Amino acid sequence: MFQRPCRVHPLTESQGNDQERKVVEKGKKKKKWWRLSSLFGAVKKHLKRSSNPVQGEVELQQEQEQSEGVKNQNQCKDRCSDDYTVRHNLVSDQLCEGGFDAEATRLKDDPELGSPQRLPEENDLNILSTADAAEGNDQERKVMEKEKKKKKWNQKEQKARCSDDFISSHYQLGDLLGEGGFGSVYEARRLEDDLKVAVKYVNKTETYRPSLYIPGYQQHVPLEIALTILANKGPRVPEIIQLLDWKDYSDHFVMILECPSPCETLEDFVGRQGGRLNESLARRVMMQVTKAANVCCQRQVFHRDIKLSNLLINNQTLEVKLIDFGCGDILRTTVYMSYSGTATYVPPEFHIKGKYHGKPATVWSLGVLLFKIVAGYYPGFLDLHMLKLHLWSRTGLSNECCRLLRALLQIKPKNRIQLEEILSHKWFTATT
């Protein structure tokens, strides 16, 4: 093997022992470095498998398949030990004669050793461990931060509930029904008559919408509460969720709502039906949803977020209720310049011109809803183009159903069917 020539200085016995001790210490540090490197590699591999269980199982299976070959090589490994260690010892023996400079030159220039440019120091080990730990635990840290943030919010909400004498003295809280950016909804029992209700906590965040003055109330009412009150003002409409009580606080407000039982969201109901409904069932659902939307507009309430998850359905009686007025507004004849709701249901005129009117937007959302529950998917670009040309149809749907969809989902608002005319369409009067 080629070895770079170097100048050899004669060493005294004490100098030779000192040099040998340095080489041994370097060898120990190097072995420690490789052990730690292997350990961090194993930890990193474990974290990778934990973050992706499917890939982890595949890799584990591949390792098990290779285990037989590994066992057959054990004797050879035991005999040879570590090839790098053997060569390092040979180099160390030569370095005892050649001096420390020869060691540095040898380790740097011999490509067969496969060693780093220099032996790692303690700081190198710290850097290695920090880098590998940071990379391996990055995803885990994000999850922990998310859980910590959620836990902090839950503790804050729990504290608010515990300090709420109004709730504790009138209601017994039960299971969590749902949660989101707005807050949480809990099942509860009214202590007075054991009536099952839903208690909704809404946090007043930075994006909290302003309150509204309603005649007959001494104070301004949070907008969602005000819209729910207005939607229920007058003769009771069973298709709209009823507000039983409410309480306003500085950082949150509480709504006590009726809780029909048994019930589930229309989204879950349609999912259990295979992702779409037959026309008979879809007609029964849409008749109630359209009535609820119509009554809301008659009472000057623009819901603005009519969708599958904002509709409750009793899976036994098939009664439907419109819920969640959190994205709504007072219905006006002038245009709206901003949209608060679900992107899938945004009317096209808002994308095109940046403005829209309340009633035509409601008609559009009803069209998207009907399309989803009878076709099994949301309308795409080609669907909307064919609907615009009044050419859209689908195998398995009646002609009247296709005609209603073409009337609801017109790109230009003026070409859409009027909200008040929807229930008079032939599809709703059909018997099959």
Protein backbone atom coordinates (compact mmCIF):
# COMPACT_ATOMS: atom_id res chain seq x y z
CA MET A 1 0.00 0.00 0.00
CA PHE A 2 1.30 3.46 -0.87
CA GLN A 3 2.29 5.50 2.14
CA ARG A 4 3.17 9.16 2.06
CA PRO A 5 6.87 9.56 3.04
CA CYS A 6 7.38 11.43 6.28
CA ARG A 7 10.31 12.40 8.42
CA VAL A 8 10.83 10.10 11.40
CA HIS A 9 12.37 11.56 14.53
CA PRO A 10 14.03 9.33 17.08
CA LEU A 11 11.99 9.19 20.29
CA THR A 12 13.09 8.63 23.82
CA GLU A 13 11.32 5.95 25.84
CA SER A 14 9.17 8.50 27.70
CA GLN A 15 8.27 10.30 24.51
CA GLY A 16 7.33 7.01 22.89
CA ASN A 17 5.05 6.06 25.77
CA ASP A 18 3.42 9.48 25.71
CA GLN A 19 2.83 9.25 21.97
CA GLU A 20 1.37 5.76 22.32
CA ARG A 21 -0.99 6.95 25.05
CA LYS A 22 -2.22 9.77 22.81
CA VAL A 23 -2.91 7.32 19.99
CA VAL A 24 -4.84 5.01 22.33
CA GLU A 25 -6.91 7.93 23.63
CA LYS A 26 -7.65 9.01 20.07
CA GLY A 27 -8.72 5.48 19.25
CA LYS A 28 -11.08 5.40 22.23
CA LYS A 29 -12.63 8.73 21.20
CA LYS A 30 -13.09 7.47 17.68
CA LYS A 31 -14.80 4.29 18.87
CA LYS A 32 -17.05 6.40 21.11
CA TRP A 33 -17.91 8.60 18.13
CA TRP A 34 -18.90 5.62 16.02
CA ARG A 35 -20.98 4.12 18.83
CA LEU A 36 -22.87 7.38 19.34
CA SER A 37 -23.29 7.78 15.59
CA SER A 38 -24.83 4.30 15.38
CA LEU A 39 -27.07 5.06 18.35
CA PHE A 40 -28.38 8.31 16.87
CA GLY A 41 -28.89 6.57 13.55
CA ALA A 42 -31.03 3.92 15.24
CA VAL A 43 -33.06 6.60 17.09
CA LYS A 44 -33.58 8.54 13.86
CA LYS A 45 -34.72 5.39 12.09
CA HIS A 46 -37.16 4.62 14.90
CA LEU A 47 -38.65 8.13 14.77
CA LYS A 48 -39.01 7.86 10.99
CA ARG A 49 -40.91 4.59 11.36
CA SER A 50 -43.12 6.07 14.06
CA SER A 51 -44.08 9.01 11.85
CA ASN A 52 -44.89 6.67 8.93
CA PRO A 53 -46.12 3.30 10.30
CA VAL A 54 -46.84 1.83 6.86
CA GLN A 55 -43.36 2.54 5.54
CA GLY A 56 -41.93 1.38 8.86
CA GLU A 57 -43.64 -1.99 8.53
CA VAL A 58 -42.29 -2.40 4.99
CA GLU A 59 -38.74 -1.62 6.11
CA LEU A 60 -39.07 -3.94 9.11
CA GLN A 61 -40.21 -6.76 6.84
CA GLN A 62 -37.25 -6.17 4.53
CA GLU A 63 -34.88 -6.30 7.49
CA GLN A 64 -36.40 -9.56 8.67
CA GLU A 65 -35.91 -11.04 5.20
CA GLN A 66 -32.25 -10.04 5.34
CA SER A 67 -31.74 -11.44 8.85
CA GLU A 68 -30.90 -14.92 7.52
CA GLY A 69 -28.00 -13.55 5.48
CA VAL A 70 -26.83 -11.50 8.45
CA LYS A 71 -26.72 -14.60 10.67
CA ASN A 72 -24.58 -16.42 8.11
CA GLN A 73 -22.06 -13.60 8.19
CA ASN A 74 -21.74 -13.47 11.98
CA GLN A 75 -18.81 -15.91 12.16
CA CYS A 76 -16.89 -13.94 9.59
CA LYS A 77 -17.61 -10.71 11.49
CA ASP A 78 -16.54 -12.26 14.79
CA ARG A 79 -13.29 -13.42 13.22
CA CYS A 80 -12.50 -10.20 11.45
CA SER A 81 -14.08 -7.92 14.07
CA ASP A 82 -14.30 -4.44 12.59
CA ASP A 83 -12.24 -4.00 9.42
CA TYR A 84 -11.85 -0.36 10.16
CA THR A 85 -10.57 -1.13 13.68
CA VAL A 86 -8.02 -3.63 12.36
CA ARG A 87 -6.62 -1.15 9.87
CA HIS A 88 -6.71 1.62 12.45
CA ASN A 89 -4.61 -0.52 14.82
CA LEU A 90 -2.11 -1.17 12.04
CA VAL A 91 -1.89 2.52 11.37
CA SER A 92 -1.54 3.21 15.10
CA ASP A 93 1.40 0.80 15.31
CA GLN A 94 3.12 2.56 12.45
CA LEU A 95 2.31 5.95 13.92
CA CYS A 96 4.02 5.01 17.17
CA GLU A 97 7.17 4.99 15.11
CA GLY A 98 6.31 7.86 12.81
CA GLY A 99 5.03 10.51 15.19
CA PHE A 100 1.79 12.49 15.55
CA ASP A 101 2.16 14.39 12.27
CA ALA A 102 2.37 11.11 10.42
CA GLU A 103 -0.92 10.08 12.04
CA ALA A 104 -2.72 13.16 10.80
CA THR A 105 -1.28 12.73 7.31
CA ARG A 106 -2.16 9.05 7.17
CA LEU A 107 -5.78 9.48 8.29
CA LYS A 108 -6.36 12.28 5.84
CA ASP A 109 -4.80 10.82 2.71
CA ASP A 110 -5.58 7.08 2.83
CA PRO A 111 -8.91 6.60 0.96
CA GLU A 112 -9.22 2.97 2.05
CA LEU A 113 -9.69 3.92 5.68
CA GLY A 114 -12.93 5.74 4.97
CA SER A 115 -12.37 7.85 8.08
CA PRO A 116 -13.17 11.52 8.61
CA GLN A 117 -10.60 14.25 8.03
CA ARG A 118 -9.89 14.34 11.76
CA LEU A 119 -10.94 12.54 14.89
CA PRO A 120 -14.08 13.97 16.49
CA GLU A 121 -13.80 15.98 19.65
CA GLU A 122 -16.42 16.25 22.39
CA ASN A 123 -17.93 19.32 20.71
CA ASP A 124 -18.36 17.31 17.51
CA LEU A 125 -20.36 14.70 19.43
CA ASN A 126 -22.60 17.42 20.85
CA ILE A 127 -23.16 18.92 17.40
CA LEU A 128 -23.95 15.49 15.95
CA SER A 129 -26.44 14.67 18.66
CA THR A 130 -28.13 18.08 18.41
CA ALA A 131 -28.46 17.93 14.61
CA ASP A 132 -29.81 14.39 14.50
CA ALA A 133 -32.20 14.98 17.39
CA ALA A 134 -33.49 18.18 15.80
CA GLU A 135 -34.09 16.48 12.46
CA GLY A 136 -35.60 13.32 13.90
CA ASN A 137 -37.86 15.05 16.43
CA ASP A 138 -39.04 17.91 14.20
CA GLN A 139 -42.36 16.32 13.33
CA GLU A 140 -42.87 15.03 16.85
CA ARG A 141 -42.21 18.51 18.24
CA LYS A 142 -44.83 20.02 15.92
CA VAL A 143 -47.40 17.49 17.09
CA MET A 144 -46.54 18.18 20.72
CA GLU A 145 -46.84 21.93 20.20
CA LYS A 146 -50.22 21.47 18.56
CA GLU A 147 -51.42 19.26 21.42
CA LYS A 148 -50.04 21.74 23.94
CA LYS A 149 -51.88 24.60 22.26
CA LYS A 150 -55.09 22.58 22.14
CA LYS A 151 -54.68 21.59 25.79
CA LYS A 152 -54.13 25.23 26.75
CA TRP A 153 -57.34 26.23 24.97
CA ASN A 154 -59.26 23.35 26.57
CA GLN A 155 -58.01 24.40 30.00
CA LYS A 156 -59.08 27.96 29.32
CA GLU A 157 -62.48 26.80 28.13
CA GLN A 158 -62.84 24.42 31.07
CA LYS A 159 -62.02 27.25 33.45
CA ALA A 160 -64.66 29.42 31.81
CA ARG A 161 -67.24 26.65 32.13
CA CYS A 162 -66.43 25.97 35.77
CA SER A 163 -66.74 29.66 36.63
CA ASP A 164 -70.03 29.93 34.77
CA ASP A 165 -72.71 29.85 37.46
CA PHE A 166 -75.38 30.23 34.80
CA ILE A 167 -74.49 26.88 33.22
CA SER A 168 -73.70 24.94 36.38
CA SER A 169 -76.91 26.00 38.10
CA HIS A 170 -79.21 25.16 35.18
CA TYR A 171 -77.51 22.46 33.09
CA GLN A 172 -75.47 19.31 33.49
CA LEU A 173 -72.80 19.06 30.80
CA GLY A 174 -72.20 15.78 29.00
CA ASP A 175 -70.14 14.57 26.06
CA LEU A 176 -68.43 16.72 23.46
CA LEU A 177 -70.50 16.81 20.25
CA GLY A 178 -68.13 18.83 18.09
CA GLU A 179 -65.43 21.47 18.07
CA GLY A 180 -63.76 23.83 15.66
CA GLY A 181 -62.26 27.27 15.33
CA PHE A 182 -65.39 28.78 16.89
CA GLY A 183 -65.24 26.78 20.13
CA SER A 184 -67.04 23.64 21.26
CA VAL A 185 -70.51 22.11 21.44
CA TYR A 186 -71.49 19.84 24.32
CA GLU A 187 -74.44 17.65 25.01
CA ALA A 188 -76.23 18.65 28.22
CA ARG A 189 -79.35 18.11 30.31
CA ARG A 190 -81.53 20.91 31.62
CA LEU A 191 -81.89 20.33 35.35
CA GLU A 192 -85.39 21.77 35.44
CA ASP A 193 -87.06 19.13 33.26
CA ASP A 194 -84.21 16.82 32.12
CA LEU A 195 -84.54 18.14 28.56
CA LYS A 196 -81.65 17.20 26.29
CA VAL A 197 -79.98 20.33 24.90
CA ALA A 198 -76.79 21.39 23.15
CA VAL A 199 -74.49 23.95 24.82
CA LYS A 200 -72.34 25.89 22.38
CA TYR A 201 -69.34 27.90 23.62
CA VAL A 202 -68.08 30.51 21.17
CA ASN A 203 -64.76 32.21 21.86
CA LYS A 204 -64.46 35.91 21.04
CA THR A 205 -61.24 35.82 19.04
CA GLU A 206 -59.51 38.63 17.16
CA THR A 207 -61.77 37.92 14.18
CA TYR A 208 -64.90 38.07 16.35
CA ARG A 209 -67.75 39.69 14.46
CA PRO A 210 -69.61 42.67 15.94
CA SER A 211 -72.79 42.55 17.96
CA LEU A 212 -76.19 43.63 16.74
CA TYR A 213 -78.99 45.60 18.34
CA ILE A 214 -82.38 43.88 18.29
CA PRO A 215 -85.56 45.70 19.35
CA GLY A 216 -86.75 44.38 22.69
CA TYR A 217 -83.25 43.72 24.05
CA GLN A 218 -81.52 46.18 26.35
CA GLN A 219 -78.02 45.29 25.19
CA HIS A 220 -76.28 44.52 21.92
CA VAL A 221 -76.46 40.83 21.05
CA PRO A 222 -73.61 38.79 19.47
CA LEU A 223 -74.34 38.47 15.77
CA GLU A 224 -74.71 34.67 15.70
CA ILE A 225 -77.18 34.81 18.58
CA ALA A 226 -79.06 37.70 16.97
CA LEU A 227 -79.42 35.89 13.64
CA THR A 228 -80.64 32.72 15.37
CA ILE A 229 -83.20 34.77 17.31
CA LEU A 230 -84.41 36.52 14.15
CA ALA A 231 -84.62 33.23 12.22
CA ASN A 232 -86.92 31.86 14.93
CA LYS A 233 -88.99 35.03 15.29
CA GLY A 234 -92.62 34.42 14.42
CA PRO A 235 -94.34 31.06 13.96
CA ARG A 236 -92.00 28.21 14.85
CA VAL A 237 -90.34 26.54 11.88
CA PRO A 238 -89.17 22.99 12.71
CA GLU A 239 -86.56 23.13 9.91
CA ILE A 240 -84.55 25.78 11.80
CA ILE A 241 -82.67 25.01 15.02
CA GLN A 242 -84.30 26.66 18.03
CA LEU A 243 -82.40 28.86 20.48
CA LEU A 244 -83.56 28.15 24.04
CA ASP A 245 -81.29 30.49 26.02
CA TRP A 246 -78.02 32.37 25.81
CA LYS A 247 -75.48 34.26 27.89
CA ASP A 248 -72.89 36.82 26.82
CA TYR A 249 -69.50 37.30 28.52
CA SER A 250 -66.48 39.50 27.89
CA ASP A 251 -64.38 36.82 26.15
CA HIS A 252 -67.01 34.29 25.01
CA PHE A 253 -70.73 33.67 24.76
CA VAL A 254 -72.87 30.60 25.37
CA MET A 255 -75.85 29.36 23.36
CA ILE A 256 -78.36 26.80 24.62
CA LEU A 257 -79.87 25.08 21.57
CA GLU A 258 -82.34 22.31 21.05
CA CYS A 259 -80.71 18.92 20.50
CA PRO A 260 -82.84 16.59 18.38
CA SER A 261 -82.29 12.92 19.13
CA PRO A 262 -81.32 10.75 17.42
CA CYS A 263 -79.61 12.91 14.84
CA GLU A 264 -76.43 13.30 12.82
CA THR A 265 -75.09 15.72 10.26
CA LEU A 266 -76.33 15.32 6.71
CA GLU A 267 -72.70 14.79 5.71
CA ASP A 268 -72.47 11.67 7.89
CA PHE A 269 -75.90 10.50 6.79
CA VAL A 270 -75.06 10.76 3.08
CA GLY A 271 -71.75 9.02 3.73
CA ARG A 272 -73.53 6.07 5.29
CA GLN A 273 -75.78 5.89 2.23
CA GLY A 274 -72.79 5.36 -0.04
CA GLY A 275 -72.00 9.01 -0.78
CA ARG A 276 -75.26 9.89 -2.52
CA LEU A 277 -79.02 9.69 -2.00
CA ASN A 278 -81.74 8.38 -4.24
CA GLU A 279 -84.03 11.03 -5.67
CA SER A 280 -86.94 10.24 -3.36
CA LEU A 281 -84.82 10.73 -0.25
CA ALA A 282 -82.97 13.71 -1.74
CA ARG A 283 -86.30 15.36 -2.57
CA ARG A 284 -87.48 14.98 1.03
CA VAL A 285 -84.25 16.48 2.37
CA MET A 286 -84.07 19.36 -0.11
CA MET A 287 -87.68 20.31 0.47
CA GLN A 288 -86.93 20.97 4.14
CA VAL A 289 -83.61 22.73 3.47
CA THR A 290 -85.19 25.00 0.86
CA LYS A 291 -88.03 25.86 3.23
CA ALA A 292 -85.53 26.76 5.97
CA ALA A 293 -83.53 28.97 3.58
CA ASN A 294 -86.70 30.64 2.35
CA VAL A 295 -87.95 31.42 5.86
CA CYS A 296 -84.55 32.82 6.85
CA CYS A 297 -84.59 35.24 3.93
CA GLN A 298 -88.18 36.22 4.68
CA ARG A 299 -87.04 37.11 8.21
CA GLN A 300 -84.07 39.12 6.88
CA VAL A 301 -81.46 36.51 7.80
CA PHE A 302 -78.73 35.56 5.32
CA HIS A 303 -77.32 32.23 6.55
CA ARG A 304 -74.50 32.15 3.95
CA ASP A 305 -73.18 28.70 4.93
CA ILE A 306 -75.83 26.16 3.96
CA LYS A 307 -73.90 22.92 3.54
CA LEU A 308 -73.93 19.23 4.49
CA SER A 309 -72.28 19.67 7.89
CA ASN A 310 -74.62 22.52 8.89
CA LEU A 311 -77.72 20.36 8.50
CA LEU A 312 -78.89 17.89 11.13
CA ILE A 313 -81.08 14.96 10.15
CA ASN A 314 -83.02 12.55 12.32
CA ASN A 315 -82.14 9.18 10.80
CA GLN A 316 -85.50 7.76 11.93
CA THR A 317 -87.99 10.49 11.01
CA LEU A 318 -85.77 12.13 8.32
CA GLU A 319 -86.52 15.55 9.79
CA VAL A 320 -83.88 18.14 8.83
CA LYS A 321 -82.77 21.22 10.77
CA LEU A 322 -80.58 24.11 9.64
CA ILE A 323 -77.93 25.02 12.24
CA ASP A 324 -74.94 27.35 12.80
CA PHE A 325 -75.56 30.98 11.84
CA GLY A 326 -71.96 31.90 12.66
CA CYS A 327 -71.12 32.94 9.08
CA GLY A 328 -74.40 34.74 8.47
CA ASP A 329 -75.43 38.37 8.21
CA ILE A 330 -78.51 40.52 7.98
CA LEU A 331 -80.06 40.13 4.53
CA ARG A 332 -79.96 43.37 2.58
CA THR A 333 -80.77 44.41 -0.95
CA THR A 334 -77.34 45.92 -1.56
CA VAL A 335 -74.33 43.85 -2.57
CA TYR A 336 -71.91 42.06 -0.25
CA MET A 337 -68.22 42.72 -0.87
CA SER A 338 -66.82 39.95 1.34
CA TYR A 339 -67.63 36.30 1.82
CA SER A 340 -67.74 34.27 5.01
CA GLY A 341 -68.51 30.61 4.49
CA THR A 342 -67.25 27.47 2.77
CA ALA A 343 -65.17 27.80 -0.40
CA THR A 344 -67.01 24.98 -2.21
CA TYR A 345 -70.26 26.93 -2.02
CA VAL A 346 -68.96 30.38 -2.98
CA PRO A 347 -71.11 31.87 -5.79
CA PRO A 348 -69.21 32.42 -9.06
CA GLU A 349 -70.11 36.12 -9.22
CA PHE A 350 -67.92 36.71 -6.16
CA HIS A 351 -64.96 35.11 -7.96
CA ILE A 352 -65.69 37.09 -11.12
CA LYS A 353 -66.69 40.52 -9.79
CA GLY A 354 -65.88 40.39 -6.08
CA LYS A 355 -69.48 41.04 -5.07
CA TYR A 356 -72.79 39.21 -4.81
CA HIS A 357 -76.37 39.45 -3.55
CA GLY A 358 -77.81 37.37 -0.73
CA LYS A 359 -80.70 35.54 -2.36
CA PRO A 360 -78.96 34.47 -5.60
CA ALA A 361 -76.02 33.25 -3.49
CA THR A 362 -78.45 31.21 -1.38
CA VAL A 363 -79.92 29.68 -4.55
CA TRP A 364 -76.41 28.75 -5.70
CA SER A 365 -75.58 27.05 -2.40
CA LEU A 366 -78.80 25.03 -2.61
CA GLY A 367 -77.79 23.95 -6.12
CA VAL A 368 -74.34 22.82 -4.96
CA LEU A 369 -75.95 20.92 -2.08
CA LEU A 370 -78.45 19.14 -4.33
CA PHE A 371 -75.74 18.31 -6.87
CA LYS A 372 -73.57 16.77 -4.17
CA ILE A 373 -76.25 14.54 -2.64
CA VAL A 374 -77.63 13.20 -5.95
CA ALA A 375 -74.42 13.01 -8.01
CA GLY A 376 -72.04 12.07 -5.21
CA TYR A 377 -69.49 14.80 -5.93
CA TYR A 378 -69.25 18.58 -6.20
CA PRO A 379 -69.72 20.15 -9.64
CA GLY A 380 -66.51 20.63 -11.59
CA PHE A 381 -65.60 22.99 -14.41
CA LEU A 382 -67.06 20.79 -17.15
CA ASP A 383 -70.25 20.25 -15.14
CA LEU A 384 -70.71 23.99 -14.65
CA HIS A 385 -70.09 24.65 -18.33
CA MET A 386 -72.71 22.09 -19.37
CA LEU A 387 -75.13 23.42 -16.75
CA LYS A 388 -74.66 26.92 -18.12
CA LEU A 389 -75.59 25.67 -21.61
CA HIS A 390 -78.59 23.75 -20.19
CA LEU A 391 -77.07 20.54 -21.56
CA TRP A 392 -76.06 18.83 -18.33
CA SER A 393 -77.60 15.46 -17.51
CA ARG A 394 -76.61 12.32 -15.65
CA THR A 395 -77.57 8.70 -16.07
CA GLY A 396 -79.82 7.60 -13.24
CA LEU A 397 -81.29 11.05 -12.58
CA SER A 398 -84.72 12.08 -13.78
CA ASN A 399 -85.14 14.83 -16.35
CA GLU A 400 -86.86 17.05 -13.78
CA CYS A 401 -83.97 16.70 -11.35
CA CYS A 402 -81.50 17.67 -14.08
CA ARG A 403 -83.69 20.62 -15.07
CA LEU A 404 -83.77 21.86 -11.48
CA LEU A 405 -79.98 21.60 -11.19
CA ARG A 406 -79.58 23.51 -14.45
CA ALA A 407 -81.89 26.22 -13.06
CA LEU A 408 -80.07 26.45 -9.73
CA LEU A 409 -76.48 26.40 -10.99
CA GLN A 410 -76.47 29.13 -13.61
CA ILE A 411 -73.26 31.17 -13.66
CA LYS A 412 -75.09 34.49 -14.05
CA PRO A 413 -77.26 35.28 -11.01
CA LYS A 414 -80.04 36.76 -13.15
CA ASN A 415 -80.40 33.45 -15.01
CA ARG A 416 -80.97 31.41 -11.84
CA ILE A 417 -84.34 30.35 -10.58
CA GLN A 418 -85.76 32.61 -7.87
CA LEU A 419 -85.54 31.34 -4.30
CA GLU A 420 -89.31 31.60 -3.86
CA GLU A 421 -89.92 29.52 -7.01
CA ILE A 422 -87.78 26.51 -6.09
CA LEU A 423 -90.43 24.62 -4.10
CA SER A 424 -92.87 25.08 -6.99
CA HIS A 425 -90.57 23.26 -9.40
CA LYS A 426 -91.94 20.06 -10.94
CA TRP A 427 -89.22 17.96 -9.31
CA PHE A 428 -90.74 18.64 -5.87
CA THR A 429 -94.25 17.82 -7.06
CA ALA A 430 -93.19 14.57 -8.74
CA THR A 431 -94.38 11.33 -7.13
CA THR A 432 -91.42 9.18 -8.24
